[in-house]
Protein backbone atom coordinates (compact mmCIF):
# COMPACT_ATOMS: atom_id res chain seq x y z
CA UNK A 1 78.51 15.99 88.88
CA UNK A 2 79.07 18.54 91.64
CA UNK A 3 76.19 19.54 93.86
CA UNK A 4 75.79 22.80 95.76
CA UNK A 5 76.34 23.02 99.49
CA UNK A 6 75.69 25.92 101.82
CA UNK A 7 78.45 26.19 104.41
CA UNK A 8 77.72 28.31 107.48
CA UNK A 9 80.90 29.40 109.25
CA UNK A 10 80.45 30.81 112.75
CA UNK A 11 83.23 33.09 114.03
CA UNK A 12 85.14 32.35 117.23
CA UNK A 13 84.42 34.83 120.01
CA UNK A 14 87.06 37.55 119.86
CA UNK A 15 88.17 36.72 116.31
CA UNK A 16 88.14 40.30 115.04
CA UNK A 17 91.95 40.59 115.01
CA UNK A 18 92.66 37.24 113.28
CA UNK A 19 89.90 38.06 110.76
CA UNK A 20 91.48 41.43 109.94
CA UNK A 21 94.95 39.85 109.70
CA UNK A 22 93.77 37.08 107.32
CA UNK A 23 91.37 39.15 105.20
CA UNK A 24 93.73 39.84 102.29
CA UNK A 25 94.74 36.16 102.08
CA UNK A 26 91.08 35.10 102.38
CA UNK A 27 90.05 37.35 99.46
CA UNK A 28 93.01 36.21 97.36
CA UNK A 29 92.06 32.58 98.06
CA UNK A 30 88.45 33.21 97.04
CA UNK A 31 89.63 34.77 93.77
CA UNK A 32 91.64 31.60 93.05
CA UNK A 33 88.70 29.21 93.64
CA UNK A 34 85.78 31.15 92.11
CA UNK A 35 85.05 28.26 89.76
CA UNK A 36 83.73 26.38 92.82
CA UNK A 37 82.09 29.28 94.66
CA UNK A 38 78.52 30.26 93.80
CA UNK A 39 78.35 32.76 96.68
CA UNK A 40 80.55 33.94 99.51
CA UNK A 41 79.46 36.57 102.01
CA UNK A 42 80.39 37.83 105.43
CA UNK A 43 77.77 37.93 108.16
CA UNK A 44 77.35 40.66 110.75
CA UNK A 45 75.70 40.74 114.16
CA UNK A 46 73.14 43.33 115.25
CA UNK A 47 75.87 45.87 116.02
CA UNK A 48 77.48 45.47 112.58
CA UNK A 49 80.51 43.45 113.73
CA UNK A 50 81.57 40.38 111.73
CA UNK A 51 80.02 37.21 113.15
CA UNK A 52 80.64 34.59 110.48
CA UNK A 53 80.51 33.76 106.81
CA UNK A 54 78.38 31.81 104.39
CA UNK A 55 79.49 30.10 101.22
CA UNK A 56 77.62 28.20 98.59
CA UNK A 57 80.16 25.87 97.07
CA UNK A 58 80.16 23.26 94.33
CA UNK A 59 81.34 19.94 95.72
CA UNK A 60 80.95 16.21 95.18
CA UNK A 61 79.88 15.49 98.77
CA UNK A 62 79.41 17.17 102.16
CA UNK A 63 82.90 16.03 103.12
CA UNK A 64 84.34 17.55 99.93
CA UNK A 65 82.52 20.84 100.69
CA UNK A 66 83.86 20.90 104.25
CA UNK A 67 87.42 20.13 103.15
CA UNK A 68 87.18 22.83 100.47
CA UNK A 69 86.16 25.48 103.02
CA UNK A 70 88.79 24.27 105.51
CA UNK A 71 91.47 25.30 102.99
CA UNK A 72 90.38 28.94 103.38
CA UNK A 73 92.86 31.19 105.24
CA UNK A 74 90.10 32.21 107.67
CA UNK A 75 89.92 28.59 108.83
CA UNK A 76 93.67 28.19 109.31
CA UNK A 77 93.83 31.59 111.09
CA UNK A 78 91.27 30.39 113.64
CA UNK A 79 88.58 32.87 112.63
CA UNK A 80 85.83 30.26 112.41
CA UNK A 81 84.66 28.37 115.47
CA UNK A 82 82.50 25.92 113.55
CA UNK A 83 81.35 24.92 110.08
CA UNK A 84 77.89 23.58 109.22
CA UNK A 85 77.44 21.98 105.79
CA UNK A 86 73.96 21.75 104.24
CA UNK A 87 73.18 20.07 100.91
CA UNK A 88 71.12 22.41 98.75
CA UNK A 89 68.25 21.49 96.51
CA UNK A 90 67.05 23.52 93.56
CA UNK A 91 66.94 27.26 94.06
CA UNK A 92 64.50 29.83 92.73
CA UNK A 93 64.22 33.60 92.89
CA UNK A 94 65.34 36.72 91.05
CA UNK A 95 68.87 36.54 92.39
CA UNK A 96 69.29 32.93 91.20
CA UNK A 97 67.85 33.66 87.75
CA UNK A 98 69.98 36.80 87.32
CA UNK A 99 73.11 34.86 88.36
CA UNK A 100 72.42 32.04 85.90
CA UNK A 101 71.75 34.49 83.04
CA UNK A 102 75.03 36.30 83.77
CA UNK A 103 76.92 32.98 83.86
CA UNK A 104 75.66 32.06 80.37
CA UNK A 105 76.81 35.35 78.80
C-alpha cells in the first residue's frame, strides 16, 4: 500500500526563466498524475518570488517518491536545485478532514 511522502523542492538560484518556460508543461504533468498527488504547491520567498515547491505524493518508498517527482518537467528544466523526501505519518486538521470528505463524495 502506498504511503505519503512530503517532497520539498528548492529552486536553483536564477531559475525564474526556466520556471516560466516549463510552467505549462509542469501543470499539464500534474493534471496527468493527480491520482498520486495529495497536494502540490509553489513556495515564495519574502519578496513574493518563486523559491521552490512542495508536493505530498503517494509512493511505495522514498526512492519511488523521489523518482516520481524527478519526472516533473520542472526537474528536467533545471528549476529545482534539490529535492528532500520526508515520510509522513498520520495527519490531522481541518484541511485534512475536508480533503478526505471531498474525496469520498
